[in-house]
PDB file of N, CA and C in Angstrom:
ATOM      1  N   MET A   1      14.822  -5.588   0.051  1.00  0.00           N
ATOM      2  CA  MET A   1      14.437  -6.724  -0.295  1.00  0.00           C
ATOM      3  C   MET A   1      12.996  -6.097  -0.084  1.00  0.00           C
ATOM      4  N   THR A   2      11.934  -7.246  -0.785  1.00  0.00           N
ATOM      5  CA  THR A   2      10.548  -7.341  -0.118  1.00  0.00           C
ATOM      6  C   THR A   2      10.711  -8.664   0.563  1.00  0.00           C
ATOM      7  N   ILE A   3      10.103  -9.122   2.203  1.00  0.00           N
ATOM      8  CA  ILE A   3       9.907 -10.245   2.699  1.00  0.00           C
ATOM      9  C   ILE A   3       8.302 -10.222   2.912  1.00  0.00           C
ATOM     10  N   ARG A   4       7.894 -11.769   3.355  1.00  0.00           N
ATOM     11  CA  ARG A   4       6.019 -11.963   3.887  1.00  0.00           C
ATOM     12  C   ARG A   4       6.420 -12.467   4.701  1.00  0.00           C
ATOM     13  N   VAL A   5       5.714 -12.112   5.715  1.00  0.00           N
ATOM     14  CA  VAL A   5       5.967 -12.716   7.427  1.00  0.00           C
ATOM     15  C   VAL A   5       4.565 -13.293   7.596  1.00  0.00           C
ATOM     16  N   ARG A   6       4.722 -14.388   7.883  1.00  0.00           N
ATOM     17  CA  ARG A   6       4.403 -15.117   8.115  1.00  0.00           C
ATOM     18  C   ARG A   6       4.087 -16.163   9.839  1.00  0.00           C
ATOM     19  N   PRO A   7       3.506 -14.893  10.646  1.00  0.00           N
ATOM     20  CA  PRO A   7       3.502 -15.307  12.363  1.00  0.00           C
ATOM     21  C   PRO A   7       2.818 -16.306  12.985  1.00  0.00           C
ATOM     22  N   GLY A   8       3.661 -16.826  13.812  1.00  0.00           N
ATOM     23  CA  GLY A   8       2.355 -17.973  14.183  1.00  0.00           C
ATOM     24  C   GLY A   8       2.484 -19.456  13.765  1.00  0.00           C
ATOM     25  N   ALA A   9       4.111 -19.501  13.409  1.00  0.00           N
ATOM     26  CA  ALA A   9       4.294 -20.995  12.421  1.00  0.00           C
ATOM     27  C   ALA A   9       5.090 -21.586  13.496  1.00  0.00           C
ATOM     28  N   GLY A  10       5.123 -22.667  13.161  1.00  0.00           N
ATOM     29  CA  GLY A  10       4.995 -24.125  14.488  1.00  0.00           C
ATOM     30  C   GLY A  10       7.021 -23.880  14.473  1.00  0.00           C
ATOM     31  N   ARG A  11       7.833 -23.255  13.496  1.00  0.00           N
ATOM     32  CA  ARG A  11       9.196 -22.926  14.016  1.00  0.00           C
ATOM     33  C   ARG A  11       9.895 -21.806  13.187  1.00  0.00           C
ATOM     34  N   THR A  12      10.529 -21.412  13.190  1.00  0.00           N
ATOM     35  CA  THR A  12      11.016 -20.153  12.124  1.00  0.00           C
ATOM     36  C   THR A  12      11.798 -20.654  11.064  1.00  0.00           C
ATOM     37  N   ALA A  13      11.304 -19.952   9.903  1.00  0.00           N
ATOM     38  CA  ALA A  13      11.994 -20.943   8.931  1.00  0.00           C
ATOM     39  C   ALA A  13      12.328 -19.680   7.742  1.00  0.00           C
ATOM     40  N   VAL A  14      13.381 -19.415   7.059  1.00  0.00           N
ATOM     41  CA  VAL A  14      13.251 -18.739   5.968  1.00  0.00           C
ATOM     42  C   VAL A  14      13.323 -19.300   4.512  1.00  0.00           C
ATOM     43  N   GLY A  15      12.566 -19.087   3.792  1.00  0.00           N
ATOM     44  CA  GLY A  15      13.128 -19.601   2.237  1.00  0.00           C
ATOM     45  C   GLY A  15      11.349 -19.936   1.696  1.00  0.00           C
ATOM     46  N   GLY A  16      11.204 -19.538   0.329  1.00  0.00           N
ATOM     47  CA  GLY A  16      10.080 -19.923  -0.657  1.00  0.00           C
ATOM     48  C   GLY A  16      10.113 -18.640  -1.074  1.00  0.00           C
ATOM     49  N   GLU A  17       9.231 -18.410  -1.677  1.00  0.00           N
ATOM     50  CA  GLU A  17       8.682 -17.186  -2.666  1.00  0.00           C
ATOM     51  C   GLU A  17       7.468 -16.915  -2.216  1.00  0.00           C
ATOM     52  N   HIS A  18       6.827 -15.727  -2.124  1.00  0.00           N
ATOM     53  CA  HIS A  18       5.187 -15.783  -1.813  1.00  0.00           C
ATOM     54  C   HIS A  18       4.904 -14.066  -2.973  1.00  0.00           C
ATOM     55  N   ASP A  19       4.441 -13.786  -4.028  1.00  0.00           N
ATOM     56  CA  ASP A  19       4.391 -13.009  -5.055  1.00  0.00           C
ATOM     57  C   ASP A  19       5.454 -11.908  -4.709  1.00  0.00           C
ATOM     58  N   GLY A  20       6.472 -12.913  -5.246  1.00  0.00           N
ATOM     59  CA  GLY A  20       8.138 -12.313  -5.102  1.00  0.00           C
ATOM     60  C   GLY A  20       8.521 -12.051  -4.051  1.00  0.00           C
ATOM     61  N   ALA A  21       8.527 -11.941  -3.149  1.00  0.00           N
ATOM     62  CA  ALA A  21       8.882 -11.968  -2.071  1.00  0.00           C
ATOM     63  C   ALA A  21       9.662 -12.693  -1.169  1.00  0.00           C
ATOM     64  N   LEU A  22      10.294 -12.952  -0.096  1.00  0.00           N
ATOM     65  CA  LEU A  22      10.962 -13.969   0.311  1.00  0.00           C
ATOM     66  C   LEU A  22       9.981 -14.556   1.531  1.00  0.00           C
ATOM     67  N   VAL A  23       9.773 -15.560   1.959  1.00  0.00           N
ATOM     68  CA  VAL A  23       8.896 -15.869   3.086  1.00  0.00           C
ATOM     69  C   VAL A  23       9.543 -15.962   3.940  1.00  0.00           C
ATOM     70  N   VAL A  24       9.401 -15.473   5.518  1.00  0.00           N
ATOM     71  CA  VAL A  24       9.750 -15.828   6.459  1.00  0.00           C
ATOM     72  C   VAL A  24       8.560 -16.249   7.529  1.00  0.00           C
ATOM     73  N   ARG A  25       9.206 -17.487   8.254  1.00  0.00           N
ATOM     74  CA  ARG A  25       7.677 -17.626   9.039  1.00  0.00           C
ATOM     75  C   ARG A  25       8.391 -17.627  10.234  1.00  0.00           C
ATOM     76  N   VAL A  26       7.801 -17.056  11.172  1.00  0.00           N
ATOM     77  CA  VAL A  26       8.198 -16.915  12.511  1.00  0.00           C
ATOM     78  C   VAL A  26       6.951 -17.436  13.803  1.00  0.00           C
ATOM     79  N   ALA A  27       7.536 -18.323  14.942  1.00  0.00           N
ATOM     80  CA  ALA A  27       6.944 -18.422  15.394  1.00  0.00           C
ATOM     81  C   ALA A  27       6.036 -17.466  16.593  1.00  0.00           C
ATOM     82  N   ALA A  28       6.695 -16.390  16.393  1.00  0.00           N
ATOM     83  CA  ALA A  28       6.263 -15.408  17.468  1.00  0.00           C
ATOM     84  C   ALA A  28       4.810 -14.903  17.027  1.00  0.00           C
ATOM     85  N   ARG A  29       3.803 -14.569  17.499  1.00  0.00           N
ATOM     86  CA  ARG A  29       2.767 -13.921  17.349  1.00  0.00           C
ATOM     87  C   ARG A  29       2.695 -12.492  16.944  1.00  0.00           C
ATOM     88  N   ALA A  30       1.863 -11.703  15.985  1.00  0.00           N
ATOM     89  CA  ALA A  30       1.730 -10.496  15.608  1.00  0.00           C
ATOM     90  C   ALA A  30       1.203  -9.801  16.559  1.00  0.00           C
ATOM     91  N   VAL A  31       1.887  -9.887  18.085  1.00  0.00           N
ATOM     92  CA  VAL A  31       1.604  -8.899  18.770  1.00  0.00           C
ATOM     93  C   VAL A  31       2.921  -7.916  19.611  1.00  0.00           C
ATOM     94  N   ASP A  32       2.342  -6.373  19.333  1.00  0.00           N
ATOM     95  CA  ASP A  32       3.360  -5.655  19.937  1.00  0.00           C
ATOM     96  C   ASP A  32       4.941  -5.990  19.094  1.00  0.00           C
ATOM     97  N   GLY A  33       4.402  -5.802  17.852  1.00  0.00           N
ATOM     98  CA  GLY A  33       6.399  -6.007  16.948  1.00  0.00           C
ATOM     99  C   GLY A  33       6.876  -7.012  17.219  1.00  0.00           C
ATOM    100  N   ARG A  34       6.081  -8.035  17.682  1.00  0.00           N
ATOM    101  CA  ARG A  34       7.190  -9.404  18.028  1.00  0.00           C
ATOM    102  C   ARG A  34       7.178  -9.895  17.022  1.00  0.00           C
ATOM    103  N   ALA A  35       6.785 -10.189  15.906  1.00  0.00           N
ATOM    104  CA  ALA A  35       6.672 -11.224  14.905  1.00  0.00           C
ATOM    105  C   ALA A  35       7.891 -10.297  13.850  1.00  0.00           C
ATOM    106  N   THR A  36       7.482  -9.043  13.955  1.00  0.00           N
ATOM    107  CA  THR A  36       8.539  -8.227  13.183  1.00  0.00           C
ATOM    108  C   THR A  36       9.745  -8.674  13.524  1.00  0.00           C
ATOM    109  N   GLU A  37       9.529  -8.365  14.527  1.00  0.00           N
ATOM    110  CA  GLU A  37      11.467  -8.644  15.039  1.00  0.00           C
ATOM    111  C   GLU A  37      12.332  -9.677  15.060  1.00  0.00           C
ATOM    112  N   ALA A  38      11.126 -10.542  15.303  1.00  0.00           N
ATOM    113  CA  ALA A  38      11.704 -11.845  14.867  1.00  0.00           C
ATOM    114  C   ALA A  38      12.111 -12.102  13.822  1.00  0.00           C
ATOM    115  N   ALA A  39      11.080 -11.610  12.687  1.00  0.00           N
ATOM    116  CA  ALA A  39      11.110 -11.625  11.300  1.00  0.00           C
ATOM    117  C   ALA A  39      12.863 -11.031  10.907  1.00  0.00           C
ATOM    118  N   LEU A  40      13.325  -9.782  11.289  1.00  0.00           N
ATOM    119  CA  LEU A  40      13.916  -9.568  11.347  1.00  0.00           C
ATOM    120  C   LEU A  40      15.258 -10.246  11.772  1.00  0.00           C
ATOM    121  N   ALA A  41      15.101 -10.896  12.616  1.00  0.00           N
ATOM    122  CA  ALA A  41      16.738 -11.419  13.320  1.00  0.00           C
ATOM    123  C   ALA A  41      16.302 -12.555  12.191  1.00  0.00           C
ATOM    124  N   ALA A  42      15.658 -13.689  11.809  1.00  0.00           N
ATOM    125  CA  ALA A  42      15.815 -14.331  10.979  1.00  0.00           C
ATOM    126  C   ALA A  42      16.111 -14.506   9.259  1.00  0.00           C
ATOM    127  N   VAL A  43      15.868 -13.182   8.891  1.00  0.00           N
ATOM    128  CA  VAL A  43      16.567 -12.867   8.011  1.00  0.00           C
ATOM    129  C   VAL A  43      18.144 -12.926   8.295  1.00  0.00           C
ATOM    130  N   ALA A  44      18.350 -11.470   9.052  1.00  0.00           N
ATOM    131  CA  ALA A  44      19.634 -11.915   9.613  1.00  0.00           C
ATOM    132  C   ALA A  44      20.428 -12.949   9.751  1.00  0.00           C
ATOM    133  N   ASP A  45      19.937 -14.032  10.063  1.00  0.00           N
ATOM    134  CA  ASP A  45      20.771 -14.985  10.463  1.00  0.00           C
ATOM    135  C   ASP A  45      20.732 -15.769   8.878  1.00  0.00           C
ATOM    136  N   ALA A  46      19.662 -15.933   8.179  1.00  0.00           N
ATOM    137  CA  ALA A  46      19.539 -16.930   6.960  1.00  0.00           C
ATOM    138  C   ALA A  46      20.795 -16.158   5.998  1.00  0.00           C
ATOM    139  N   PHE A  47      20.765 -14.926   6.338  1.00  0.00           N
ATOM    140  CA  PHE A  47      21.796 -14.410   5.806  1.00  0.00           C
ATOM    141  C   PHE A  47      23.883 -14.532   6.242  1.00  0.00           C
ATOM    142  N   GLY A  48      23.348 -14.881   7.728  1.00  0.00           N
ATOM    143  CA  GLY A  48      24.626 -15.352   8.365  1.00  0.00           C
ATOM    144  C   GLY A  48      25.417 -14.029   8.704  1.00  0.00           C
ATOM    145  N   LEU A  49      23.892 -12.693   8.822  1.00  0.00           N
ATOM    146  CA  LEU A  49      24.784 -11.148   9.456  1.00  0.00           C
ATOM    147  C   LEU A  49      24.444 -11.364  10.814  1.00  0.00           C
ATOM    148  N   ARG A  50      24.814 -10.030  11.373  1.00  0.00           N
ATOM    149  CA  ARG A  50      24.535  -9.595  12.964  1.00  0.00           C
ATOM    150  C   ARG A  50      23.166  -8.713  12.459  1.00  0.00           C
ATOM    151  N   ARG A  51      22.102  -9.035  13.512  1.00  0.00           N
ATOM    152  CA  ARG A  51      20.921  -8.476  13.727  1.00  0.00           C
ATOM    153  C   ARG A  51      20.870  -7.136  12.810  1.00  0.00           C
ATOM    154  N   SER A  52      21.586  -6.403  13.527  1.00  0.00           N
ATOM    155  CA  SER A  52      22.071  -5.026  13.295  1.00  0.00           C
ATOM    156  C   SER A  52      22.002  -4.457  12.124  1.00  0.00           C
ATOM    157  N   ALA A  53      22.542  -5.363  11.151  1.00  0.00           N
ATOM    158  CA  ALA A  53      22.643  -5.488   9.313  1.00  0.00           C
ATOM    159  C   ALA A  53      21.838  -5.699   8.667  1.00  0.00           C
ATOM    160  N   VAL A  54      20.218  -5.939   9.327  1.00  0.00           N
ATOM    161  CA  VAL A  54      18.795  -5.724   8.817  1.00  0.00           C
ATOM    162  C   VAL A  54      18.481  -4.649   9.150  1.00  0.00           C
ATOM    163  N   ALA A  55      17.446  -4.012   8.478  1.00  0.00           N
ATOM    164  CA  ALA A  55      16.691  -2.944   9.027  1.00  0.00           C
ATOM    165  C   ALA A  55      15.306  -2.995   7.994  1.00  0.00           C
ATOM    166  N   LEU A  56      14.166  -2.443   9.205  1.00  0.00           N
ATOM    167  CA  LEU A  56      13.171  -2.235   8.640  1.00  0.00           C
ATOM    168  C   LEU A  56      13.148  -1.014   7.378  1.00  0.00           C
ATOM    169  N   VAL A  57      12.901  -0.847   6.371  1.00  0.00           N
ATOM    170  CA  VAL A  57      12.734   0.227   5.873  1.00  0.00           C
ATOM    171  C   VAL A  57      10.969   0.305   6.008  1.00  0.00           C
ATOM    172  N   THR A  58       9.893  -0.007   5.365  1.00  0.00           N
ATOM    173  CA  THR A  58       8.586   0.078   5.426  1.00  0.00           C
ATOM    174  C   THR A  58       7.659  -1.606   5.571  1.00  0.00           C
ATOM    175  N   GLY A  59       6.826  -1.322   6.574  1.00  0.00           N
ATOM    176  CA  GLY A  59       5.612  -2.507   6.774  1.00  0.00           C
ATOM    177  C   GLY A  59       5.501  -2.951   7.952  1.00  0.00           C
ATOM    178  N   ALA A  60       5.755  -1.980   9.038  1.00  0.00           N
ATOM    179  CA  ALA A  60       5.875  -2.312  10.436  1.00  0.00           C
ATOM    180  C   ALA A  60       4.564  -3.042  10.509  1.00  0.00           C
ATOM    181  N   THR A  61       3.816  -2.536  10.577  1.00  0.00           N
ATOM    182  CA  THR A  61       2.422  -3.399  10.786  1.00  0.00           C
ATOM    183  C   THR A  61       1.637  -4.568   9.437  1.00  0.00           C
ATOM    184  N   ALA A  62       2.230  -4.448   8.818  1.00  0.00           N
ATOM    185  CA  ALA A  62       1.812  -5.446   7.626  1.00  0.00           C
ATOM    186  C   ALA A  62       2.300  -6.864   7.588  1.00  0.00           C
ATOM    187  N   ARG A  63       2.291  -7.580   6.729  1.00  0.00           N
ATOM    188  CA  ARG A  63       2.784  -9.159   6.653  1.00  0.00           C
ATOM    189  C   ARG A  63       3.644  -8.748   5.360  1.00  0.00           C
ATOM    190  N   THR A  64       3.461  -7.918   4.541  1.00  0.00           N
ATOM    191  CA  THR A  64       4.221  -7.832   3.420  1.00  0.00           C
ATOM    192  C   THR A  64       5.134  -6.283   3.802  1.00  0.00           C
ATOM    193  N   LYS A  65       6.680  -6.760   4.146  1.00  0.00           N
ATOM    194  CA  LYS A  65       7.455  -5.913   4.306  1.00  0.00           C
ATOM    195  C   LYS A  65       8.827  -5.345   3.365  1.00  0.00           C
ATOM    196  N   VAL A  66       9.668  -4.391   4.017  1.00  0.00           N
ATOM    197  CA  VAL A  66      10.453  -4.059   2.869  1.00  0.00           C
ATOM    198  C   VAL A  66      11.458  -3.931   3.662  1.00  0.00           C
ATOM    199  N   VAL A  67      12.838  -4.819   3.722  1.00  0.00           N
ATOM    200  CA  VAL A  67      13.524  -4.631   4.404  1.00  0.00           C
ATOM    201  C   VAL A  67      15.319  -3.909   3.832  1.00  0.00           C
ATOM    202  N   GLU A  68      15.648  -3.429   4.073  1.00  0.00           N
ATOM    203  CA  GLU A  68      17.594  -3.303   3.962  1.00  0.00           C
ATOM    204  C   GLU A  68      18.279  -4.513   4.356  1.00  0.00           C
ATOM    205  N   VAL A  69      19.234  -5.282   3.734  1.00  0.00           N
ATOM    206  CA  VAL A  69      19.759  -6.256   4.126  1.00  0.00           C
ATOM    207  C   VAL A  69      21.369  -5.519   4.015  1.00  0.00           C
ATOM    208  N   GLU A  70      22.221  -5.476   5.140  1.00  0.00           N
ATOM    209  CA  GLU A  70      23.678  -4.790   4.698  1.00  0.00           C
ATOM    210  C   GLU A  70      24.527  -5.990   4.221  1.00  0.00           C
ATOM    211  N   ASP A  71      25.095  -5.817   3.419  1.00  0.00           N
ATOM    212  CA  ASP A  71      26.059  -6.589   2.638  1.00  0.00           C
ATOM    213  C   ASP A  71      25.183  -8.578   2.497  1.00  0.00           C
ATOM    214  N   GLY A  72      23.573  -8.340   2.438  1.00  0.00           N
ATOM    215  CA  GLY A  72      23.401  -9.381   1.832  1.00  0.00           C
ATOM    216  C   GLY A  72      23.512  -9.941   0.337  1.00  0.00           C
ATOM    217  N   THR A  73      23.988 -10.956  -0.413  1.00  0.00           N
ATOM    218  CA  THR A  73      24.665 -10.988  -1.422  1.00  0.00           C
ATOM    219  C   THR A  73      23.105 -11.840  -2.191  1.00  0.00           C
ATOM    220  N   GLU A  74      23.555 -11.314  -3.449  1.00  0.00           N
ATOM    221  CA  GLU A  74      22.058 -11.460  -4.477  1.00  0.00           C
ATOM    222  C   GLU A  74      21.712 -13.168  -4.404  1.00  0.00           C
ATOM    223  N   GLU A  75      23.385 -13.948  -4.758  1.00  0.00           N
ATOM    224  CA  GLU A  75      23.060 -15.303  -5.000  1.00  0.00           C
ATOM    225  C   GLU A  75      22.317 -16.007  -3.543  1.00  0.00           C
ATOM    226  N   ARG A  76      22.897 -15.446  -2.329  1.00  0.00           N
ATOM    227  CA  ARG A  76      22.386 -15.709  -1.050  1.00  0.00           C
ATOM    228  C   ARG A  76      20.457 -15.759  -1.271  1.00  0.00           C
ATOM    229  N   LEU A  77      20.327 -14.408  -1.777  1.00  0.00           N
ATOM    230  CA  LEU A  77      18.595 -14.471  -1.676  1.00  0.00           C
ATOM    231  C   LEU A  77      18.153 -14.835  -2.489  1.00  0.00           C
ATOM    232  N   ARG A  78      18.393 -15.257  -3.627  1.00  0.00           N
ATOM    233  CA  ARG A  78      18.210 -16.478  -5.087  1.00  0.00           C
ATOM    234  C   ARG A  78      17.763 -17.817  -4.558  1.00  0.00           C
ATOM    235  N   ALA A  79      19.141 -18.500  -3.585  1.00  0.00           N
ATOM    236  CA  ALA A  79      18.780 -19.546  -2.998  1.00  0.00           C
ATOM    237  C   ALA A  79      17.588 -19.830  -1.905  1.00  0.00           C
ATOM    238  N   LEU A  80      17.581 -18.590  -1.288  1.00  0.00           N
ATOM    239  CA  LEU A  80      16.414 -18.611  -0.277  1.00  0.00           C
ATOM    240  C   LEU A  80      15.045 -18.686  -0.697  1.00  0.00           C
ATOM    241  N   LEU A  81      15.271 -17.965  -2.115  1.00  0.00           N
ATOM    242  CA  LEU A  81      13.667 -17.567  -2.637  1.00  0.00           C
ATOM    243  C   LEU A  81      13.399 -19.350  -3.335  1.00  0.00           C
ATOM    244  N   GLY A  82      13.925 -19.696  -4.021  1.00  0.00           N
ATOM    245  CA  GLY A  82      14.263 -21.301  -4.364  1.00  0.00           C
ATOM    246  C   GLY A  82      13.764 -22.580  -3.048  1.00  0.00           C
ATOM    247  N   ALA A  83      14.336 -22.356  -1.919  1.00  0.00           N
ATOM    248  CA  ALA A  83      14.082 -22.949  -0.918  1.00  0.00           C
ATOM    249  C   ALA A  83      12.337 -23.498  -0.850  1.00  0.00           C
TER     250      ALA A  83
END
């Protein structure tokens, strides 16, 4: 799945869509991979999964990333995209 990370947000939140990607807002700044790690943790939490169930596939230094969510349901993704 494709996510769009918005670092430096007031609070961490997952929901909405940007060019077909799930928007993940994180409070962490984009320094030393902190925003990426916070985004992966937020996605895991949004799907009700352990952090280890979400893996970065591509986009380590980009705002648009591709992640693999183990046991993530399509229904939950649609709900998050519509939020």
